[in-house]
ModelCIF file with pLDDT and N, C-alpha, C, O atoms, coordinates in Angstrom:
data_MODEL
#
_entry.id   MODEL 
#
_entity.id                         1 
_entity.type                       polymer 
_entity.pdbx_number_of_molecules   1 
#
_entity_poly.entity_id                      1 
_entity_poly.type                           'polypeptide(L)' 
_entity_poly.nstd_linkage                   no 
_entity_poly.nstd_monomer                   no 
_entity_poly.pdbx_seq_one_letter_code       RELILLKVRARAEERQQIIAVADVFRAKIVDVA 
_entity_poly.pdbx_seq_one_letter_code_can   RELILLKVRARAEERQQIIAVADVFRAKIVDVA 
_entity_poly.pdbx_strand_id                 A 
#
loop_
_entity_poly_seq.entity_id 
_entity_poly_seq.num 
_entity_poly_seq.mon_id 
_entity_poly_seq.hetero 
1 1  ARG n 
1 2  GLU n 
1 3  LEU n 
1 4  ILE n 
1 5  LEU n 
1 6  LEU n 
1 7  LYS n 
1 8  VAL n 
1 9  ARG n 
1 10 ALA n 
1 11 ARG n 
1 12 ALA n 
1 13 GLU n 
1 14 GLU n 
1 15 ARG n 
1 16 GLN n 
1 17 GLN n 
1 18 ILE n 
1 19 ILE n 
1 20 ALA n 
1 21 VAL n 
1 22 ALA n 
1 23 ASP n 
1 24 VAL n 
1 25 PHE n 
1 26 ARG n 
1 27 ALA n 
1 28 LYS n 
1 29 ILE n 
1 30 VAL n 
1 31 ASP n 
1 32 VAL n 
1 33 ALA n 
#
_struct_asym.id          A 
_struct_asym.entity_id   1 
#
loop_
_ma_qa_metric.id 
_ma_qa_metric.mode 
_ma_qa_metric.name 
_ma_qa_metric.software_group_id 
_ma_qa_metric.type 
1 global pLDDT . pLDDT 
2 local  pLDDT . pLDDT 
#
_ma_qa_metric_global.metric_id      1 
_ma_qa_metric_global.metric_value   95.58 
_ma_qa_metric_global.model_id       1 
_ma_qa_metric_global.ordinal_id     1 
#
loop_
_ma_qa_metric_local.label_asym_id 
_ma_qa_metric_local.label_comp_id 
_ma_qa_metric_local.label_seq_id 
_ma_qa_metric_local.metric_id 
_ma_qa_metric_local.metric_value 
_ma_qa_metric_local.model_id 
_ma_qa_metric_local.ordinal_id 
A ARG 1  2 95.00 1 1  
A GLU 2  2 95.00 1 2  
A LEU 3  2 97.00 1 3  
A ILE 4  2 97.00 1 4  
A LEU 5  2 98.00 1 5  
A LEU 6  2 97.00 1 6  
A LYS 7  2 97.00 1 7  
A VAL 8  2 97.00 1 8  
A ARG 9  2 96.00 1 9  
A ALA 10 2 94.00 1 10 
A ARG 11 2 91.00 1 11 
A ALA 12 2 89.00 1 12 
A GLU 13 2 91.00 1 13 
A GLU 14 2 92.00 1 14 
A ARG 15 2 95.00 1 15 
A GLN 16 2 95.00 1 16 
A GLN 17 2 95.00 1 17 
A ILE 18 2 96.00 1 18 
A ILE 19 2 96.00 1 19 
A ALA 20 2 96.00 1 20 
A VAL 21 2 96.00 1 21 
A ALA 22 2 97.00 1 22 
A ASP 23 2 97.00 1 23 
A VAL 24 2 96.00 1 24 
A PHE 25 2 97.00 1 25 
A ARG 26 2 97.00 1 26 
A ALA 27 2 97.00 1 27 
A LYS 28 2 97.00 1 28 
A ILE 29 2 97.00 1 29 
A VAL 30 2 97.00 1 30 
A ASP 31 2 97.00 1 31 
A VAL 32 2 95.00 1 32 
A ALA 33 2 95.00 1 33 
#
loop_
_atom_site.group_PDB 
_atom_site.id 
_atom_site.type_symbol 
_atom_site.label_atom_id 
_atom_site.label_alt_id 
_atom_site.label_comp_id 
_atom_site.label_asym_id 
_atom_site.label_entity_id 
_atom_site.label_seq_id 
_atom_site.pdbx_PDB_ins_code 
_atom_site.Cartn_x 
_atom_site.Cartn_y 
_atom_site.Cartn_z 
_atom_site.occupancy 
_atom_site.B_iso_or_equiv 
_atom_site.pdbx_formal_charge 
_atom_site.auth_seq_id 
_atom_site.auth_comp_id 
_atom_site.auth_asym_id 
_atom_site.auth_atom_id 
_atom_site.pdbx_PDB_model_num 
ATOM 1   N N  . ARG A 1 1  ? 15.095  10.313 -8.925  1.00 95.00 ? 1  ARG A N  1 
ATOM 2   C CA . ARG A 1 1  ? 13.887  9.678  -8.417  1.00 95.00 ? 1  ARG A CA 1 
ATOM 3   C C  . ARG A 1 1  ? 13.610  8.408  -9.208  1.00 95.00 ? 1  ARG A C  1 
ATOM 4   O O  . ARG A 1 1  ? 14.090  8.211  -10.324 1.00 95.00 ? 1  ARG A O  1 
ATOM 5   N N  . GLU A 1 2  ? 12.816  7.563  -8.578  1.00 95.00 ? 2  GLU A N  1 
ATOM 6   C CA . GLU A 1 2  ? 12.358  6.331  -9.207  1.00 95.00 ? 2  GLU A CA 1 
ATOM 7   C C  . GLU A 1 2  ? 10.899  6.142  -8.810  1.00 95.00 ? 2  GLU A C  1 
ATOM 8   O O  . GLU A 1 2  ? 10.483  6.582  -7.737  1.00 95.00 ? 2  GLU A O  1 
ATOM 9   N N  . LEU A 1 3  ? 10.139  5.505  -9.652  1.00 97.00 ? 3  LEU A N  1 
ATOM 10  C CA . LEU A 1 3  ? 8.735   5.204  -9.383  1.00 97.00 ? 3  LEU A CA 1 
ATOM 11  C C  . LEU A 1 3  ? 8.582   3.695  -9.282  1.00 97.00 ? 3  LEU A C  1 
ATOM 12  O O  . LEU A 1 3  ? 9.182   2.943  -10.050 1.00 97.00 ? 3  LEU A O  1 
ATOM 13  N N  . ILE A 1 4  ? 7.767   3.260  -8.320  1.00 97.00 ? 4  ILE A N  1 
ATOM 14  C CA . ILE A 1 4  ? 7.477   1.834  -8.192  1.00 97.00 ? 4  ILE A CA 1 
ATOM 15  C C  . ILE A 1 4  ? 5.971   1.651  -8.046  1.00 97.00 ? 4  ILE A C  1 
ATOM 16  O O  . ILE A 1 4  ? 5.297   2.430  -7.371  1.00 97.00 ? 4  ILE A O  1 
ATOM 17  N N  . LEU A 1 5  ? 5.465   0.623  -8.682  1.00 98.00 ? 5  LEU A N  1 
ATOM 18  C CA . LEU A 1 5  ? 4.103   0.143  -8.458  1.00 98.00 ? 5  LEU A CA 1 
ATOM 19  C C  . LEU A 1 5  ? 4.240   -1.236 -7.835  1.00 98.00 ? 5  LEU A C  1 
ATOM 20  O O  . LEU A 1 5  ? 4.916   -2.112 -8.373  1.00 98.00 ? 5  LEU A O  1 
ATOM 21  N N  . LEU A 1 6  ? 3.591   -1.415 -6.695  1.00 97.00 ? 6  LEU A N  1 
ATOM 22  C CA . LEU A 1 6  ? 3.724   -2.656 -5.939  1.00 97.00 ? 6  LEU A CA 1 
ATOM 23  C C  . LEU A 1 6  ? 2.330   -3.187 -5.617  1.00 97.00 ? 6  LEU A C  1 
ATOM 24  O O  . LEU A 1 6  ? 1.533   -2.500 -4.977  1.00 97.00 ? 6  LEU A O  1 
ATOM 25  N N  . LYS A 1 7  ? 2.039   -4.404 -6.059  1.00 97.00 ? 7  LYS A N  1 
ATOM 26  C CA . LYS A 1 7  ? 0.752   -5.032 -5.747  1.00 97.00 ? 7  LYS A CA 1 
ATOM 27  C C  . LYS A 1 7  ? 0.999   -6.018 -4.608  1.00 97.00 ? 7  LYS A C  1 
ATOM 28  O O  . LYS A 1 7  ? 1.834   -6.917 -4.708  1.00 97.00 ? 7  LYS A O  1 
ATOM 29  N N  . VAL A 1 8  ? 0.251   -5.822 -3.524  1.00 97.00 ? 8  VAL A N  1 
ATOM 30  C CA . VAL A 1 8  ? 0.434   -6.618 -2.317  1.00 97.00 ? 8  VAL A CA 1 
ATOM 31  C C  . VAL A 1 8  ? -0.871  -7.334 -1.993  1.00 97.00 ? 8  VAL A C  1 
ATOM 32  O O  . VAL A 1 8  ? -1.949  -6.740 -2.033  1.00 97.00 ? 8  VAL A O  1 
ATOM 33  N N  . ARG A 1 9  ? -0.753  -8.632 -1.670  1.00 96.00 ? 9  ARG A N  1 
ATOM 34  C CA . ARG A 1 9  ? -1.948  -9.342 -1.210  1.00 96.00 ? 9  ARG A CA 1 
ATOM 35  C C  . ARG A 1 9  ? -2.348  -8.713 0.113   1.00 96.00 ? 9  ARG A C  1 
ATOM 36  O O  . ARG A 1 9  ? -1.526  -8.587 1.020   1.00 96.00 ? 9  ARG A O  1 
ATOM 37  N N  . ALA A 1 10 ? -3.608  -8.321 0.225   1.00 94.00 ? 10 ALA A N  1 
ATOM 38  C CA . ALA A 1 10 ? -4.075  -7.604 1.409   1.00 94.00 ? 10 ALA A CA 1 
ATOM 39  C C  . ALA A 1 10 ? -5.366  -8.234 1.915   1.00 94.00 ? 10 ALA A C  1 
ATOM 40  O O  . ALA A 1 10 ? -6.467  -7.833 1.538   1.00 94.00 ? 10 ALA A O  1 
ATOM 41  N N  . ARG A 1 11 ? -5.201  -9.219 2.770   1.00 91.00 ? 11 ARG A N  1 
ATOM 42  C CA . ARG A 1 11 ? -6.378  -9.808 3.413   1.00 91.00 ? 11 ARG A CA 1 
ATOM 43  C C  . ARG A 1 11 ? -6.968  -8.767 4.354   1.00 91.00 ? 11 ARG A C  1 
ATOM 44  O O  . ARG A 1 11 ? -6.291  -7.805 4.717   1.00 91.00 ? 11 ARG A O  1 
ATOM 45  N N  . ALA A 1 12 ? -8.201  -8.946 4.746   1.00 89.00 ? 12 ALA A N  1 
ATOM 46  C CA . ALA A 1 12 ? -8.897  -7.959 5.579   1.00 89.00 ? 12 ALA A CA 1 
ATOM 47  C C  . ALA A 1 12 ? -8.108  -7.600 6.833   1.00 89.00 ? 12 ALA A C  1 
ATOM 48  O O  . ALA A 1 12 ? -8.051  -6.432 7.215   1.00 89.00 ? 12 ALA A O  1 
ATOM 49  N N  . GLU A 1 13 ? -7.502  -8.592 7.475   1.00 91.00 ? 13 GLU A N  1 
ATOM 50  C CA . GLU A 1 13 ? -6.761  -8.340 8.714   1.00 91.00 ? 13 GLU A CA 1 
ATOM 51  C C  . GLU A 1 13 ? -5.413  -7.643 8.484   1.00 91.00 ? 13 GLU A C  1 
ATOM 52  O O  . GLU A 1 13 ? -4.833  -7.125 9.438   1.00 91.00 ? 13 GLU A O  1 
ATOM 53  N N  . GLU A 1 14 ? -4.898  -7.615 7.244   1.00 92.00 ? 14 GLU A N  1 
ATOM 54  C CA . GLU A 1 14 ? -3.604  -6.994 6.929   1.00 92.00 ? 14 GLU A CA 1 
ATOM 55  C C  . GLU A 1 14 ? -3.748  -5.609 6.298   1.00 92.00 ? 14 GLU A C  1 
ATOM 56  O O  . GLU A 1 14 ? -2.806  -4.816 6.315   1.00 92.00 ? 14 GLU A O  1 
ATOM 57  N N  . ARG A 1 15 ? -4.889  -5.328 5.758   1.00 95.00 ? 15 ARG A N  1 
ATOM 58  C CA . ARG A 1 15 ? -5.104  -4.123 4.946   1.00 95.00 ? 15 ARG A CA 1 
ATOM 59  C C  . ARG A 1 15 ? -4.673  -2.837 5.659   1.00 95.00 ? 15 ARG A C  1 
ATOM 60  O O  . ARG A 1 15 ? -3.944  -2.029 5.084   1.00 95.00 ? 15 ARG A O  1 
ATOM 61  N N  . GLN A 1 16 ? -5.111  -2.646 6.891   1.00 95.00 ? 16 GLN A N  1 
ATOM 62  C CA . GLN A 1 16 ? -4.776  -1.405 7.620   1.00 95.00 ? 16 GLN A CA 1 
ATOM 63  C C  . GLN A 1 16 ? -3.282  -1.277 7.881   1.00 95.00 ? 16 GLN A C  1 
ATOM 64  O O  . GLN A 1 16 ? -2.744  -0.170 7.840   1.00 95.00 ? 16 GLN A O  1 
ATOM 65  N N  . GLN A 1 17 ? -2.600  -2.391 8.149   1.00 95.00 ? 17 GLN A N  1 
ATOM 66  C CA . GLN A 1 17 ? -1.157  -2.355 8.388   1.00 95.00 ? 17 GLN A CA 1 
ATOM 67  C C  . GLN A 1 17 ? -0.409  -1.931 7.123   1.00 95.00 ? 17 GLN A C  1 
ATOM 68  O O  . GLN A 1 17 ? 0.537   -1.145 7.185   1.00 95.00 ? 17 GLN A O  1 
ATOM 69  N N  . ILE A 1 18 ? -0.835  -2.451 5.994   1.00 96.00 ? 18 ILE A N  1 
ATOM 70  C CA . ILE A 1 18 ? -0.198  -2.098 4.715   1.00 96.00 ? 18 ILE A CA 1 
ATOM 71  C C  . ILE A 1 18 ? -0.441  -0.623 4.402   1.00 96.00 ? 18 ILE A C  1 
ATOM 72  O O  . ILE A 1 18 ? 0.468   0.080  3.960   1.00 96.00 ? 18 ILE A O  1 
ATOM 73  N N  . ILE A 1 19 ? -1.659  -0.160 4.630   1.00 96.00 ? 19 ILE A N  1 
ATOM 74  C CA . ILE A 1 19 ? -1.984  1.253  4.390   1.00 96.00 ? 19 ILE A CA 1 
ATOM 75  C C  . ILE A 1 19 ? -1.157  2.148  5.316   1.00 96.00 ? 19 ILE A C  1 
ATOM 76  O O  . ILE A 1 19 ? -0.724  3.225  4.907   1.00 96.00 ? 19 ILE A O  1 
ATOM 77  N N  . ALA A 1 20 ? -0.937  1.715  6.551   1.00 96.00 ? 20 ALA A N  1 
ATOM 78  C CA . ALA A 1 20 ? -0.133  2.492  7.497   1.00 96.00 ? 20 ALA A CA 1 
ATOM 79  C C  . ALA A 1 20 ? 1.309   2.624  7.017   1.00 96.00 ? 20 ALA A C  1 
ATOM 80  O O  . ALA A 1 20 ? 1.902   3.699  7.100   1.00 96.00 ? 20 ALA A O  1 
ATOM 81  N N  . VAL A 1 21 ? 1.870   1.523  6.515   1.00 96.00 ? 21 VAL A N  1 
ATOM 82  C CA . VAL A 1 21 ? 3.239   1.570  5.971   1.00 96.00 ? 21 VAL A CA 1 
ATOM 83  C C  . VAL A 1 21 ? 3.276   2.522  4.777   1.00 96.00 ? 21 VAL A C  1 
ATOM 84  O O  . VAL A 1 21 ? 4.194   3.333  4.661   1.00 96.00 ? 21 VAL A O  1 
ATOM 85  N N  . ALA A 1 22 ? 2.293   2.430  3.897   1.00 97.00 ? 22 ALA A N  1 
ATOM 86  C CA . ALA A 1 22 ? 2.233   3.321  2.727   1.00 97.00 ? 22 ALA A CA 1 
ATOM 87  C C  . ALA A 1 22 ? 2.156   4.777  3.168   1.00 97.00 ? 22 ALA A C  1 
ATOM 88  O O  . ALA A 1 22 ? 2.817   5.634  2.581   1.00 97.00 ? 22 ALA A O  1 
ATOM 89  N N  . ASP A 1 23 ? 1.363   5.067  4.188   1.00 97.00 ? 23 ASP A N  1 
ATOM 90  C CA . ASP A 1 23 ? 1.233   6.444  4.690   1.00 97.00 ? 23 ASP A CA 1 
ATOM 91  C C  . ASP A 1 23 ? 2.551   6.989  5.210   1.00 97.00 ? 23 ASP A C  1 
ATOM 92  O O  . ASP A 1 23 ? 2.884   8.147  4.957   1.00 97.00 ? 23 ASP A O  1 
ATOM 93  N N  . VAL A 1 24 ? 3.302   6.178  5.929   1.00 96.00 ? 24 VAL A N  1 
ATOM 94  C CA . VAL A 1 24 ? 4.600   6.613  6.464   1.00 96.00 ? 24 VAL A CA 1 
ATOM 95  C C  . VAL A 1 24 ? 5.525   7.049  5.327   1.00 96.00 ? 24 VAL A C  1 
ATOM 96  O O  . VAL A 1 24 ? 6.280   8.011  5.471   1.00 96.00 ? 24 VAL A O  1 
ATOM 97  N N  . PHE A 1 25 ? 5.465   6.346  4.209   1.00 97.00 ? 25 PHE A N  1 
ATOM 98  C CA . PHE A 1 25 ? 6.330   6.650  3.064   1.00 97.00 ? 25 PHE A CA 1 
ATOM 99  C C  . PHE A 1 25 ? 5.696   7.654  2.093   1.00 97.00 ? 25 PHE A C  1 
ATOM 100 O O  . PHE A 1 25 ? 6.279   7.959  1.052   1.00 97.00 ? 25 PHE A O  1 
ATOM 101 N N  . ARG A 1 26 ? 4.522   8.160  2.425   1.00 97.00 ? 26 ARG A N  1 
ATOM 102 C CA . ARG A 1 26 ? 3.762   9.064  1.558   1.00 97.00 ? 26 ARG A CA 1 
ATOM 103 C C  . ARG A 1 26 ? 3.478   8.429  0.194   1.00 97.00 ? 26 ARG A C  1 
ATOM 104 O O  . ARG A 1 26 ? 3.509   9.095  -0.841  1.00 97.00 ? 26 ARG A O  1 
ATOM 105 N N  . ALA A 1 27 ? 3.205   7.138  0.224   1.00 97.00 ? 27 ALA A N  1 
ATOM 106 C CA . ALA A 1 27 ? 2.846   6.409  -0.991  1.00 97.00 ? 27 ALA A CA 1 
ATOM 107 C C  . ALA A 1 27 ? 1.345   6.551  -1.214  1.00 97.00 ? 27 ALA A C  1 
ATOM 108 O O  . ALA A 1 27 ? 0.600   6.881  -0.291  1.00 97.00 ? 27 ALA A O  1 
ATOM 109 N N  . LYS A 1 28 ? 0.911   6.300  -2.438  1.00 97.00 ? 28 LYS A N  1 
ATOM 110 C CA . LYS A 1 28 ? -0.512  6.388  -2.777  1.00 97.00 ? 28 LYS A CA 1 
ATOM 111 C C  . LYS A 1 28 ? -1.059  4.990  -3.047  1.00 97.00 ? 28 LYS A C  1 
ATOM 112 O O  . LYS A 1 28 ? -0.414  4.171  -3.702  1.00 97.00 ? 28 LYS A O  1 
ATOM 113 N N  . ILE A 1 29 ? -2.229  4.740  -2.543  1.00 97.00 ? 29 ILE A N  1 
ATOM 114 C CA . ILE A 1 29 ? -2.944  3.516  -2.908  1.00 97.00 ? 29 ILE A CA 1 
ATOM 115 C C  . ILE A 1 29 ? -3.664  3.848  -4.211  1.00 97.00 ? 29 ILE A C  1 
ATOM 116 O O  . ILE A 1 29 ? -4.544  4.708  -4.230  1.00 97.00 ? 29 ILE A O  1 
ATOM 117 N N  . VAL A 1 30 ? -3.299  3.176  -5.298  1.00 97.00 ? 30 VAL A N  1 
ATOM 118 C CA . VAL A 1 30 ? -3.864  3.512  -6.606  1.00 97.00 ? 30 VAL A CA 1 
ATOM 119 C C  . VAL A 1 30 ? -4.887  2.491  -7.099  1.00 97.00 ? 30 VAL A C  1 
ATOM 120 O O  . VAL A 1 30 ? -5.583  2.732  -8.085  1.00 97.00 ? 30 VAL A O  1 
ATOM 121 N N  . ASP A 1 31 ? -4.978  1.344  -6.409  1.00 97.00 ? 31 ASP A N  1 
ATOM 122 C CA . ASP A 1 31 ? -5.994  0.367  -6.766  1.00 97.00 ? 31 ASP A CA 1 
ATOM 123 C C  . ASP A 1 31 ? -6.309  -0.478 -5.539  1.00 97.00 ? 31 ASP A C  1 
ATOM 124 O O  . ASP A 1 31 ? -5.416  -0.946 -4.832  1.00 97.00 ? 31 ASP A O  1 
ATOM 125 N N  . VAL A 1 32 ? -7.587  -0.655 -5.312  1.00 95.00 ? 32 VAL A N  1 
ATOM 126 C CA . VAL A 1 32 ? -8.046  -1.488 -4.208  1.00 95.00 ? 32 VAL A CA 1 
ATOM 127 C C  . VAL A 1 32 ? -8.913  -2.586 -4.801  1.00 95.00 ? 32 VAL A C  1 
ATOM 128 O O  . VAL A 1 32 ? -9.884  -2.318 -5.509  1.00 95.00 ? 32 VAL A O  1 
ATOM 129 N N  . ALA A 1 33 ? -8.548  -3.821 -4.500  1.00 95.00 ? 33 ALA A N  1 
ATOM 130 C CA . ALA A 1 33 ? -9.338  -4.966 -4.947  1.00 95.00 ? 33 ALA A CA 1 
ATOM 131 C C  . ALA A 1 33 ? -9.712  -5.789 -3.712  1.00 95.00 ? 33 ALA A C  1 
ATOM 132 O O  . ALA A 1 33 ? -10.384 -6.813 -3.833  1.00 95.00 ? 33 ALA A O  1 
#
C-alpha cells in the first residue's frame, strides 16, 4: 500500500466533482478550505 495526500484547488463550481472522484476511490477529504 501507499498513502497520498493531494491538495486540489477547488472552486465552488468544481468542489462537488472533486468530491465525487474522491468517493469513487474511497478517499477521505481531510481538509476543506
